[in-house]
Amino acid sequence: MSKNVMQGVVTSDKTAKTRRVEIPRLVRDSKYGKYLRRRTVCYVHDENNESSLGDTVEIVESRPRSKTKRWELVRVVSKGQFIDLVALRAAQKARRAEDDETEDELS
């Protein structure tokens, strides 16, 4: 029996050796026929902590490793472009404060 292989995006990497992966899918509404966006959430075993937040990964079914974890990481397909917005805003604020100080000195 072959095992299911899926691709998804890592949405959480807070725990050691475990990743939360979301797999988007489209489902057709039975009454109206409209296509709705849904997602499947899988908890994945990542032995070497290879993946990080925002990465696209390939996962495969495995034996149950815990109550919720039933998938294993095969490979990281592409690295994500994750930007830390808090650090970015703090840097911008510091740059603005520095610019204001230089303007005051020139005046």
PDB file of N, CA and C in Angstrom:
ATOM      1  N   MET A   1       0.838  -1.186   0.000  1.00  0.00           N
ATOM      2  CA  MET A   1       0.000   0.000   0.000  1.00  0.00           C
ATOM      3  C   MET A   1       0.879   1.243   0.000  1.00  0.00           C
ATOM      4  N   SER A   2       0.632   2.153  -0.940  1.00  0.00           N
ATOM      5  CA  SER A   2       1.449   3.363  -1.009  1.00  0.00           C
ATOM      6  C   SER A   2       0.959   4.395   0.000  1.00  0.00           C
ATOM      7  N   LYS A   3       1.891   5.225   0.434  1.00  0.00           N
ATOM      8  CA  LYS A   3       1.577   6.248   1.424  1.00  0.00           C
ATOM      9  C   LYS A   3       1.263   7.563   0.719  1.00  0.00           C
ATOM     10  N   ASN A   4       0.371   8.342   1.313  1.00  0.00           N
ATOM     11  CA  ASN A   4       0.026   9.643   0.749  1.00  0.00           C
ATOM     12  C   ASN A   4       1.200  10.601   0.859  1.00  0.00           C
ATOM     13  N   VAL A   5       1.439  11.358  -0.204  1.00  0.00           N
ATOM     14  CA  VAL A   5       2.469  12.389  -0.221  1.00  0.00           C
ATOM     15  C   VAL A   5       1.765  13.710  -0.526  1.00  0.00           C
ATOM     16  N   MET A   6       2.018  14.735   0.308  1.00  0.00           N
ATOM     17  CA  MET A   6       1.357  16.028   0.150  1.00  0.00           C
ATOM     18  C   MET A   6       2.383  17.144   0.225  1.00  0.00           C
ATOM     19  N   GLN A   7       1.991  18.322  -0.256  1.00  0.00           N
ATOM     20  CA  GLN A   7       2.813  19.519  -0.127  1.00  0.00           C
ATOM     21  C   GLN A   7       2.011  20.578   0.596  1.00  0.00           C
ATOM     22  N   GLY A   8       2.686  21.317   1.496  1.00  0.00           N
ATOM     23  CA  GLY A   8       2.017  22.364   2.245  1.00  0.00           C
ATOM     24  C   GLY A   8       3.013  23.385   2.743  1.00  0.00           C
ATOM     25  N   VAL A   9       2.505  24.350   3.489  1.00  0.00           N
ATOM     26  CA  VAL A   9       3.316  25.445   4.011  1.00  0.00           C
ATOM     27  C   VAL A   9       3.396  25.332   5.531  1.00  0.00           C
ATOM     28  N   VAL A  10       4.600  25.493   6.077  1.00  0.00           N
ATOM     29  CA  VAL A  10       4.806  25.439   7.519  1.00  0.00           C
ATOM     30  C   VAL A  10       4.243  26.715   8.135  1.00  0.00           C
ATOM     31  N   THR A  11       3.304  26.568   9.087  1.00  0.00           N
ATOM     32  CA  THR A  11       2.697  27.726   9.732  1.00  0.00           C
ATOM     33  C   THR A  11       3.130  27.877  11.183  1.00  0.00           C
ATOM     34  N   SER A  12       3.811  26.874  11.732  1.00  0.00           N
ATOM     35  CA  SER A  12       4.319  26.991  13.091  1.00  0.00           C
ATOM     36  C   SER A  12       5.537  26.085  13.254  1.00  0.00           C
ATOM     37  N   ASP A  13       6.590  26.631  13.872  1.00  0.00           N
ATOM     38  CA  ASP A  13       7.786  25.838  14.148  1.00  0.00           C
ATOM     39  C   ASP A  13       8.241  26.047  15.588  1.00  0.00           C
ATOM     40  N   LYS A  14       7.284  26.240  16.485  1.00  0.00           N
ATOM     41  CA  LYS A  14       7.602  26.572  17.876  1.00  0.00           C
ATOM     42  C   LYS A  14       8.072  25.368  18.685  1.00  0.00           C
ATOM     43  N   THR A  15       7.623  24.176  18.326  1.00  0.00           N
ATOM     44  CA  THR A  15       7.990  22.995  19.101  1.00  0.00           C
ATOM     45  C   THR A  15       9.163  22.258  18.455  1.00  0.00           C
ATOM     46  N   ALA A  16       9.919  21.565  19.289  1.00  0.00           N
ATOM     47  CA  ALA A  16      11.080  20.822  18.799  1.00  0.00           C
ATOM     48  C   ALA A  16      10.624  19.588  18.023  1.00  0.00           C
ATOM     49  N   LYS A  17      11.169  19.405  16.838  1.00  0.00           N
ATOM     50  CA  LYS A  17      10.931  18.249  15.978  1.00  0.00           C
ATOM     51  C   LYS A  17       9.493  18.114  15.488  1.00  0.00           C
ATOM     52  N   THR A  18       8.673  19.154  15.651  1.00  0.00           N
ATOM     53  CA  THR A  18       7.293  19.120  15.188  1.00  0.00           C
ATOM     54  C   THR A  18       6.984  20.397  14.424  1.00  0.00           C
ATOM     55  N   ARG A  19       6.311  20.258  13.298  1.00  0.00           N
ATOM     56  CA  ARG A  19       5.901  21.404  12.503  1.00  0.00           C
ATOM     57  C   ARG A  19       4.404  21.307  12.232  1.00  0.00           C
ATOM     58  N   ARG A  20       3.753  22.463  12.175  1.00  0.00           N
ATOM     59  CA  ARG A  20       2.339  22.527  11.799  1.00  0.00           C
ATOM     60  C   ARG A  20       2.311  22.935  10.332  1.00  0.00           C
ATOM     61  N   VAL A  21       1.744  22.083   9.481  1.00  0.00           N
ATOM     62  CA  VAL A  21       1.728  22.317   8.042  1.00  0.00           C
ATOM     63  C   VAL A  21       0.277  22.445   7.586  1.00  0.00           C
ATOM     64  N   GLU A  22      -0.009  23.507   6.821  1.00  0.00           N
ATOM     65  CA  GLU A  22      -1.341  23.698   6.258  1.00  0.00           C
ATOM     66  C   GLU A  22      -1.317  23.362   4.773  1.00  0.00           C
ATOM     67  N   ILE A  23      -2.316  22.597   4.339  1.00  0.00           N
ATOM     68  CA  ILE A  23      -2.444  22.205   2.941  1.00  0.00           C
ATOM     69  C   ILE A  23      -3.746  22.817   2.415  1.00  0.00           C
ATOM     70  N   PRO A  24      -3.638  23.834   1.535  1.00  0.00           N
ATOM     71  CA  PRO A  24      -4.865  24.461   1.011  1.00  0.00           C
ATOM     72  C   PRO A  24      -5.543  23.570  -0.023  1.00  0.00           C
ATOM     73  N   ARG A  25      -6.882  23.671  -0.083  1.00  0.00           N
ATOM     74  CA  ARG A  25      -7.642  22.906  -1.061  1.00  0.00           C
ATOM     75  C   ARG A  25      -8.922  23.655  -1.398  1.00  0.00           C
ATOM     76  N   LEU A  26      -9.529  23.331  -2.526  1.00  0.00           N
ATOM     77  CA  LEU A  26     -10.797  23.915  -2.931  1.00  0.00           C
ATOM     78  C   LEU A  26     -11.879  22.857  -2.817  1.00  0.00           C
ATOM     79  N   VAL A  27     -13.032  23.244  -2.238  1.00  0.00           N
ATOM     80  CA  VAL A  27     -14.162  22.338  -2.068  1.00  0.00           C
ATOM     81  C   VAL A  27     -15.375  22.985  -2.715  1.00  0.00           C
ATOM     82  N   ARG A  28     -16.121  22.226  -3.456  1.00  0.00           N
ATOM     83  CA  ARG A  28     -17.312  22.766  -4.112  1.00  0.00           C
ATOM     84  C   ARG A  28     -18.504  22.661  -3.171  1.00  0.00           C
ATOM     85  N   ASP A  29     -19.217  23.762  -2.995  1.00  0.00           N
ATOM     86  CA  ASP A  29     -20.414  23.795  -2.158  1.00  0.00           C
ATOM     87  C   ASP A  29     -21.515  22.984  -2.839  1.00  0.00           C
ATOM     88  N   SER A  30     -22.162  22.098  -2.076  1.00  0.00           N
ATOM     89  CA  SER A  30     -23.140  21.191  -2.676  1.00  0.00           C
ATOM     90  C   SER A  30     -24.406  21.921  -3.125  1.00  0.00           C
ATOM     91  N   LYS A  31     -24.801  22.991  -2.429  1.00  0.00           N
ATOM     92  CA  LYS A  31     -26.036  23.686  -2.771  1.00  0.00           C
ATOM     93  C   LYS A  31     -25.844  24.719  -3.882  1.00  0.00           C
ATOM     94  N   TYR A  32     -24.825  25.554  -3.745  1.00  0.00           N
ATOM     95  CA  TYR A  32     -24.658  26.669  -4.674  1.00  0.00           C
ATOM     96  C   TYR A  32     -23.608  26.426  -5.756  1.00  0.00           C
ATOM     97  N   GLY A  33     -22.758  25.427  -5.582  1.00  0.00           N
ATOM     98  CA  GLY A  33     -21.753  25.127  -6.583  1.00  0.00           C
ATOM     99  C   GLY A  33     -20.539  26.039  -6.527  1.00  0.00           C
ATOM    100  N   LYS A  34     -20.515  26.934  -5.550  1.00  0.00           N
ATOM    101  CA  LYS A  34     -19.386  27.852  -5.410  1.00  0.00           C
ATOM    102  C   LYS A  34     -18.195  27.103  -4.823  1.00  0.00           C
ATOM    103  N   TYR A  35     -16.987  27.446  -5.290  1.00  0.00           N
ATOM    104  CA  TYR A  35     -15.785  26.819  -4.753  1.00  0.00           C
ATOM    105  C   TYR A  35     -15.316  27.585  -3.526  1.00  0.00           C
ATOM    106  N   LEU A  36     -15.081  26.868  -2.446  1.00  0.00           N
ATOM    107  CA  LEU A  36     -14.668  27.454  -1.174  1.00  0.00           C
ATOM    108  C   LEU A  36     -13.253  27.027  -0.850  1.00  0.00           C
ATOM    109  N   ARG A  37     -12.508  27.947  -0.268  1.00  0.00           N
ATOM    110  CA  ARG A  37     -11.146  27.623   0.156  1.00  0.00           C
ATOM    111  C   ARG A  37     -11.191  26.985   1.536  1.00  0.00           C
ATOM    112  N   ARG A  38     -10.573  25.841   1.645  1.00  0.00           N
ATOM    113  CA  ARG A  38     -10.461  25.136   2.917  1.00  0.00           C
ATOM    114  C   ARG A  38      -9.007  24.760   3.110  1.00  0.00           C
ATOM    115  N   ARG A  39      -8.651  24.348   4.316  1.00  0.00           N
ATOM    116  CA  ARG A  39      -7.285  23.925   4.568  1.00  0.00           C
ATOM    117  C   ARG A  39      -7.293  22.703   5.473  1.00  0.00           C
ATOM    118  N   THR A  40      -6.295  21.873   5.277  1.00  0.00           N
ATOM    119  CA  THR A  40      -6.081  20.707   6.113  1.00  0.00           C
ATOM    120  C   THR A  40      -4.827  20.983   6.935  1.00  0.00           C
ATOM    121  N   VAL A  41      -4.915  20.767   8.240  1.00  0.00           N
ATOM    122  CA  VAL A  41      -3.778  20.995   9.129  1.00  0.00           C
ATOM    123  C   VAL A  41      -3.181  19.643   9.505  1.00  0.00           C
ATOM    124  N   CYS A  42      -1.870  19.492   9.278  1.00  0.00           N
ATOM    125  CA  CYS A  42      -1.163  18.259   9.617  1.00  0.00           C
ATOM    126  C   CYS A  42      -0.005  18.602  10.537  1.00  0.00           C
ATOM    127  N   TYR A  43       0.202  17.776  11.524  1.00  0.00           N
ATOM    128  CA  TYR A  43       1.373  17.924  12.387  1.00  0.00           C
ATOM    129  C   TYR A  43       2.422  16.941  11.896  1.00  0.00           C
ATOM    130  N   VAL A  44       3.627  17.468  11.644  1.00  0.00           N
ATOM    131  CA  VAL A  44       4.661  16.727  10.930  1.00  0.00           C
ATOM    132  C   VAL A  44       5.879  16.536  11.820  1.00  0.00           C
ATOM    133  N   HIS A  45       6.454  15.328  11.766  1.00  0.00           N
ATOM    134  CA  HIS A  45       7.687  15.038  12.492  1.00  0.00           C
ATOM    135  C   HIS A  45       8.874  15.494  11.651  1.00  0.00           C
ATOM    136  N   ASP A  46       9.680  16.405  12.218  1.00  0.00           N
ATOM    137  CA  ASP A  46      10.871  16.935  11.545  1.00  0.00           C
ATOM    138  C   ASP A  46      12.067  16.628  12.438  1.00  0.00           C
ATOM    139  N   GLU A  47      12.693  15.487  12.214  1.00  0.00           N
ATOM    140  CA  GLU A  47      13.746  14.980  13.094  1.00  0.00           C
ATOM    141  C   GLU A  47      14.905  15.950  13.270  1.00  0.00           C
ATOM    142  N   ASN A  48      15.365  16.578  12.190  1.00  0.00           N
ATOM    143  CA  ASN A  48      16.557  17.438  12.252  1.00  0.00           C
ATOM    144  C   ASN A  48      16.236  18.927  12.305  1.00  0.00           C
ATOM    145  N   ASN A  49      14.970  19.272  12.507  1.00  0.00           N
ATOM    146  CA  ASN A  49      14.538  20.677  12.535  1.00  0.00           C
ATOM    147  C   ASN A  49      15.011  21.425  11.287  1.00  0.00           C
ATOM    148  N   GLU A  50      14.810  20.823  10.115  1.00  0.00           N
ATOM    149  CA  GLU A  50      15.263  21.395   8.843  1.00  0.00           C
ATOM    150  C   GLU A  50      14.382  22.545   8.374  1.00  0.00           C
ATOM    151  N   SER A  51      13.086  22.437   8.614  1.00  0.00           N
ATOM    152  CA  SER A  51      12.155  23.434   8.085  1.00  0.00           C
ATOM    153  C   SER A  51      11.929  24.554   9.091  1.00  0.00           C
ATOM    154  N   SER A  52      11.452  25.695   8.559  1.00  0.00           N
ATOM    155  CA  SER A  52      11.128  26.826   9.422  1.00  0.00           C
ATOM    156  C   SER A  52       9.849  27.477   8.910  1.00  0.00           C
ATOM    157  N   LEU A  53       9.417  28.491   9.590  1.00  0.00           N
ATOM    158  CA  LEU A  53       8.160  29.162   9.287  1.00  0.00           C
ATOM    159  C   LEU A  53       8.142  29.689   7.856  1.00  0.00           C
ATOM    160  N   GLY A  54       7.078  29.384   7.111  1.00  0.00           N
ATOM    161  CA  GLY A  54       6.923  29.874   5.749  1.00  0.00           C
ATOM    162  C   GLY A  54       7.479  28.968   4.673  1.00  0.00           C
ATOM    163  N   ASP A  55       8.178  27.904   5.034  1.00  0.00           N
ATOM    164  CA  ASP A  55       8.743  26.986   4.047  1.00  0.00           C
ATOM    165  C   ASP A  55       7.652  26.127   3.408  1.00  0.00           C
ATOM    166  N   THR A  56       7.830  25.813   2.138  1.00  0.00           N
ATOM    167  CA  THR A  56       6.978  24.842   1.468  1.00  0.00           C
ATOM    168  C   THR A  56       7.661  23.492   1.593  1.00  0.00           C
ATOM    169  N   VAL A  57       6.927  22.499   2.128  1.00  0.00           N
ATOM    170  CA  VAL A  57       7.524  21.198   2.413  1.00  0.00           C
ATOM    171  C   VAL A  57       6.710  20.074   1.788  1.00  0.00           C
ATOM    172  N   GLU A  58       7.375  18.943   1.615  1.00  0.00           N
ATOM    173  CA  GLU A  58       6.726  17.726   1.147  1.00  0.00           C
ATOM    174  C   GLU A  58       6.679  16.764   2.318  1.00  0.00           C
ATOM    175  N   ILE A  59       5.486  16.210   2.582  1.00  0.00           N
ATOM    176  CA  ILE A  59       5.314  15.322   3.732  1.00  0.00           C
ATOM    177  C   ILE A  59       4.706  14.000   3.277  1.00  0.00           C
ATOM    178  N   VAL A  60       4.914  12.970   4.079  1.00  0.00           N
ATOM    179  CA  VAL A  60       4.411  11.639   3.765  1.00  0.00           C
ATOM    180  C   VAL A  60       3.773  11.047   5.020  1.00  0.00           C
ATOM    181  N   GLU A  61       2.751  10.222   4.827  1.00  0.00           N
ATOM    182  CA  GLU A  61       2.091   9.546   5.945  1.00  0.00           C
ATOM    183  C   GLU A  61       3.079   8.632   6.672  1.00  0.00           C
ATOM    184  N   SER A  62       2.915   8.516   7.981  1.00  0.00           N
ATOM    185  CA  SER A  62       3.770   7.618   8.752  1.00  0.00           C
ATOM    186  C   SER A  62       2.960   6.998   9.879  1.00  0.00           C
ATOM    187  N   ARG A  63       3.623   6.213  10.672  1.00  0.00           N
ATOM    188  CA  ARG A  63       2.958   5.635  11.832  1.00  0.00           C
ATOM    189  C   ARG A  63       2.651   6.756  12.826  1.00  0.00           C
ATOM    190  N   PRO A  64       1.658   6.583  13.681  1.00  0.00           N
ATOM    191  CA  PRO A  64       1.360   7.616  14.670  1.00  0.00           C
ATOM    192  C   PRO A  64       2.529   7.803  15.644  1.00  0.00           C
ATOM    193  N   ARG A  65       3.017   9.012  15.756  1.00  0.00           N
ATOM    194  CA  ARG A  65       4.120   9.323  16.670  1.00  0.00           C
ATOM    195  C   ARG A  65       3.625   9.925  17.969  1.00  0.00           C
ATOM    196  N   SER A  66       2.430  10.509  17.935  1.00  0.00           N
ATOM    197  CA  SER A  66       1.806  11.053  19.140  1.00  0.00           C
ATOM    198  C   SER A  66       0.303  11.110  18.882  1.00  0.00           C
ATOM    199  N   LYS A  67      -0.409  11.810  19.751  1.00  0.00           N
ATOM    200  CA  LYS A  67      -1.860  11.898  19.603  1.00  0.00           C
ATOM    201  C   LYS A  67      -2.260  12.551  18.281  1.00  0.00           C
ATOM    202  N   THR A  68      -1.526  13.567  17.852  1.00  0.00           N
ATOM    203  CA  THR A  68      -1.892  14.295  16.637  1.00  0.00           C
ATOM    204  C   THR A  68      -0.898  14.128  15.478  1.00  0.00           C
ATOM    205  N   LYS A  69       0.308  13.709  15.756  1.00  0.00           N
ATOM    206  CA  LYS A  69       1.363  13.682  14.735  1.00  0.00           C
ATOM    207  C   LYS A  69       1.364  12.362  13.967  1.00  0.00           C
ATOM    208  N   ARG A  70       1.025  12.446  12.643  1.00  0.00           N
ATOM    209  CA  ARG A  70       0.956  11.256  11.800  1.00  0.00           C
ATOM    210  C   ARG A  70       1.636  11.432  10.456  1.00  0.00           C
ATOM    211  N   TRP A  71       2.495  12.430  10.326  1.00  0.00           N
ATOM    212  CA  TRP A  71       3.184  12.716   9.080  1.00  0.00           C
ATOM    213  C   TRP A  71       4.662  12.907   9.339  1.00  0.00           C
ATOM    214  N   GLU A  72       5.487  12.659   8.311  1.00  0.00           N
ATOM    215  CA  GLU A  72       6.935  12.868   8.385  1.00  0.00           C
ATOM    216  C   GLU A  72       7.366  13.822   7.284  1.00  0.00           C
ATOM    217  N   LEU A  73       8.395  14.587   7.573  1.00  0.00           N
ATOM    218  CA  LEU A  73       8.956  15.502   6.583  1.00  0.00           C
ATOM    219  C   LEU A  73       9.816  14.707   5.602  1.00  0.00           C
ATOM    220  N   VAL A  74       9.584  14.894   4.291  1.00  0.00           N
ATOM    221  CA  VAL A  74      10.398  14.259   3.260  1.00  0.00           C
ATOM    222  C   VAL A  74      11.515  15.212   2.859  1.00  0.00           C
ATOM    223  N   ARG A  75      11.119  16.448   2.464  1.00  0.00           N
ATOM    224  CA  ARG A  75      12.110  17.426   2.035  1.00  0.00           C
ATOM    225  C   ARG A  75      11.502  18.823   2.096  1.00  0.00           C
ATOM    226  N   VAL A  76      12.381  19.803   2.122  1.00  0.00           N
ATOM    227  CA  VAL A  76      11.961  21.204   2.038  1.00  0.00           C
ATOM    228  C   VAL A  76      11.996  21.573   0.556  1.00  0.00           C
ATOM    229  N   VAL A  77      10.842  21.878  -0.023  1.00  0.00           N
ATOM    230  CA  VAL A  77      10.747  22.191  -1.447  1.00  0.00           C
ATOM    231  C   VAL A  77      11.321  23.577  -1.714  1.00  0.00           C
ATOM    232  N   SER A  78      10.906  24.564  -0.915  1.00  0.00           N
ATOM    233  CA  SER A  78      11.446  25.920  -1.073  1.00  0.00           C
ATOM    234  C   SER A  78      11.405  26.637   0.273  1.00  0.00           C
ATOM    235  N   LYS A  79      12.409  27.467   0.476  1.00  0.00           N
ATOM    236  CA  LYS A  79      12.485  28.244   1.710  1.00  0.00           C
ATOM    237  C   LYS A  79      11.519  29.420   1.630  1.00  0.00           C
ATOM    238  N   GLY A  80      10.918  29.772   2.762  1.00  0.00           N
ATOM    239  CA  GLY A  80       9.974  30.877   2.811  1.00  0.00           C
ATOM    240  C   GLY A  80      10.666  32.208   2.959  1.00  0.00           C
ATOM    241  N   GLN A  81       9.978  33.262   2.544  1.00  0.00           N
ATOM    242  CA  GLN A  81      10.484  34.621   2.679  1.00  0.00           C
ATOM    243  C   GLN A  81       9.813  35.258   3.884  1.00  0.00           C
ATOM    244  N   PHE A  82      10.137  34.792   5.074  1.00  0.00           N
ATOM    245  CA  PHE A  82       9.523  35.283   6.298  1.00  0.00           C
ATOM    246  C   PHE A  82      10.212  36.569   6.735  1.00  0.00           C
ATOM    247  N   ILE A  83       9.425  37.585   7.017  1.00  0.00           N
ATOM    248  CA  ILE A  83       9.946  38.866   7.468  1.00  0.00           C
ATOM    249  C   ILE A  83       9.423  39.126   8.872  1.00  0.00           C
ATOM    250  N   ASP A  84      10.320  39.437   9.791  1.00  0.00           N
ATOM    251  CA  ASP A  84       9.931  39.753  11.158  1.00  0.00           C
ATOM    252  C   ASP A  84       9.461  41.203  11.198  1.00  0.00           C
ATOM    253  N   LEU A  85       8.136  41.404  11.204  1.00  0.00           N
ATOM    254  CA  LEU A  85       7.575  42.747  11.132  1.00  0.00           C
ATOM    255  C   LEU A  85       7.891  43.581  12.363  1.00  0.00           C
ATOM    256  N   VAL A  86       7.951  42.956  13.521  1.00  0.00           N
ATOM    257  CA  VAL A  86       8.247  43.697  14.747  1.00  0.00           C
ATOM    258  C   VAL A  86       9.653  44.288  14.682  1.00  0.00           C
ATOM    259  N   ALA A  87      10.626  43.484  14.250  1.00  0.00           N
ATOM    260  CA  ALA A  87      11.998  43.968  14.139  1.00  0.00           C
ATOM    261  C   ALA A  87      12.113  45.029  13.048  1.00  0.00           C
ATOM    262  N   LEU A  88      11.386  44.859  11.952  1.00  0.00           N
ATOM    263  CA  LEU A  88      11.411  45.827  10.861  1.00  0.00           C
ATOM    264  C   LEU A  88      10.869  47.175  11.312  1.00  0.00           C
ATOM    265  N   ARG A  89       9.749  47.180  12.023  1.00  0.00           N
ATOM    266  CA  ARG A  89       9.169  48.432  12.510  1.00  0.00           C
ATOM    267  C   ARG A  89      10.061  49.095  13.544  1.00  0.00           C
ATOM    268  N   ALA A  90      10.693  48.304  14.408  1.00  0.00           N
ATOM    269  CA  ALA A  90      11.603  48.871  15.407  1.00  0.00           C
ATOM    270  C   ALA A  90      12.797  49.536  14.724  1.00  0.00           C
ATOM    271  N   ALA A  91      13.310  48.934  13.673  1.00  0.00           N
ATOM    272  CA  ALA A  91      14.436  49.513  12.934  1.00  0.00           C
ATOM    273  C   ALA A  91      14.018  50.802  12.236  1.00  0.00           C
ATOM    274  N   GLN A  92      12.815  50.821  11.664  1.00  0.00           N
ATOM    275  CA  GLN A  92      12.321  52.032  11.017  1.00  0.00           C
ATOM    276  C   GLN A  92      12.141  53.161  12.023  1.00  0.00           C
ATOM    277  N   LYS A  93      11.617  52.845  13.189  1.00  0.00           N
ATOM    278  CA  LYS A  93      11.400  53.844  14.239  1.00  0.00           C
ATOM    279  C   LYS A  93      12.736  54.423  14.703  1.00  0.00           C
ATOM    280  N   ALA A  94      13.735  53.563  14.870  1.00  0.00           N
ATOM    281  CA  ALA A  94      15.064  54.027  15.287  1.00  0.00           C
ATOM    282  C   ALA A  94      15.684  54.907  14.203  1.00  0.00           C
ATOM    283  N   ARG A  95      15.494  54.541  12.934  1.00  0.00           N
ATOM    284  CA  ARG A  95      16.029  55.330  11.827  1.00  0.00           C
ATOM    285  C   ARG A  95      15.368  56.713  11.779  1.00  0.00           C
ATOM    286  N   ARG A  96      14.032  56.766  11.997  1.00  0.00           N
ATOM    287  CA  ARG A  96      13.332  58.049  12.009  1.00  0.00           C
ATOM    288  C   ARG A  96      13.822  58.933  13.153  1.00  0.00           C
ATOM    289  N   ALA A  97      14.017  58.339  14.323  1.00  0.00           N
ATOM    290  CA  ALA A  97      14.501  59.101  15.478  1.00  0.00           C
ATOM    291  C   ALA A  97      15.905  59.651  15.188  1.00  0.00           C
ATOM    292  N   GLU A  98      16.729  58.857  14.545  1.00  0.00           N
ATOM    293  CA  GLU A  98      18.082  59.290  14.197  1.00  0.00           C
ATOM    294  C   GLU A  98      18.040  60.431  13.182  1.00  0.00           C
ATOM    295  N   ASP A  99      17.144  60.334  12.195  1.00  0.00           N
ATOM    296  CA  ASP A  99      16.997  61.398  11.198  1.00  0.00           C
ATOM    297  C   ASP A  99      16.515  62.695  11.838  1.00  0.00           C
ATOM    298  N   ASP A 100      15.584  62.591  12.790  1.00  0.00           N
ATOM    299  CA  ASP A 100      15.087  63.778  13.495  1.00  0.00           C
ATOM    300  C   ASP A 100      16.199  64.455  14.274  1.00  0.00           C
ATOM    301  N   GLU A 101      17.070  63.676  14.892  1.00  0.00           N
ATOM    302  CA  GLU A 101      18.183  64.246  15.654  1.00  0.00           C
ATOM    303  C   GLU A 101      19.159  64.984  14.739  1.00  0.00           C
ATOM    304  N   THR A 102      19.438  64.432  13.573  1.00  0.00           N
ATOM    305  CA  THR A 102      20.369  65.094  12.652  1.00  0.00           C
ATOM    306  C   THR A 102      19.759  66.380  12.095  1.00  0.00           C
ATOM    307  N   GLU A 103      18.436  66.398  11.874  1.00  0.00           N
ATOM    308  CA  GLU A 103      17.783  67.622  11.415  1.00  0.00           C
ATOM    309  C   GLU A 103      17.842  68.712  12.480  1.00  0.00           C
ATOM    310  N   ASP A 104      17.677  68.310  13.748  1.00  0.00           N
ATOM    311  CA  ASP A 104      17.742  69.280  14.843  1.00  0.00           C
ATOM    312  C   ASP A 104      19.137  69.872  14.961  1.00  0.00           C
ATOM    313  N   GLU A 105      20.156  69.063  14.735  1.00  0.00           N
ATOM    314  CA  GLU A 105      21.539  69.555  14.812  1.00  0.00           C
ATOM    315  C   GLU A 105      21.845  70.507  13.677  1.00  0.00           C
ATOM    316  N   LEU A 106      21.270  70.268  12.491  1.00  0.00           N
ATOM    317  CA  LEU A 106      21.530  71.132  11.345  1.00  0.00           C
ATOM    318  C   LEU A 106      20.792  72.471  11.457  1.00  0.00           C
ATOM    319  N   SER A 107      19.713  72.504  12.194  1.00  0.00           N
ATOM    320  CA  SER A 107      18.908  73.737  12.311  1.00  0.00           C
ATOM    321  C   SER A 107      19.481  74.722  13.281  1.00  0.00           C
TER     322      SER A 107
END
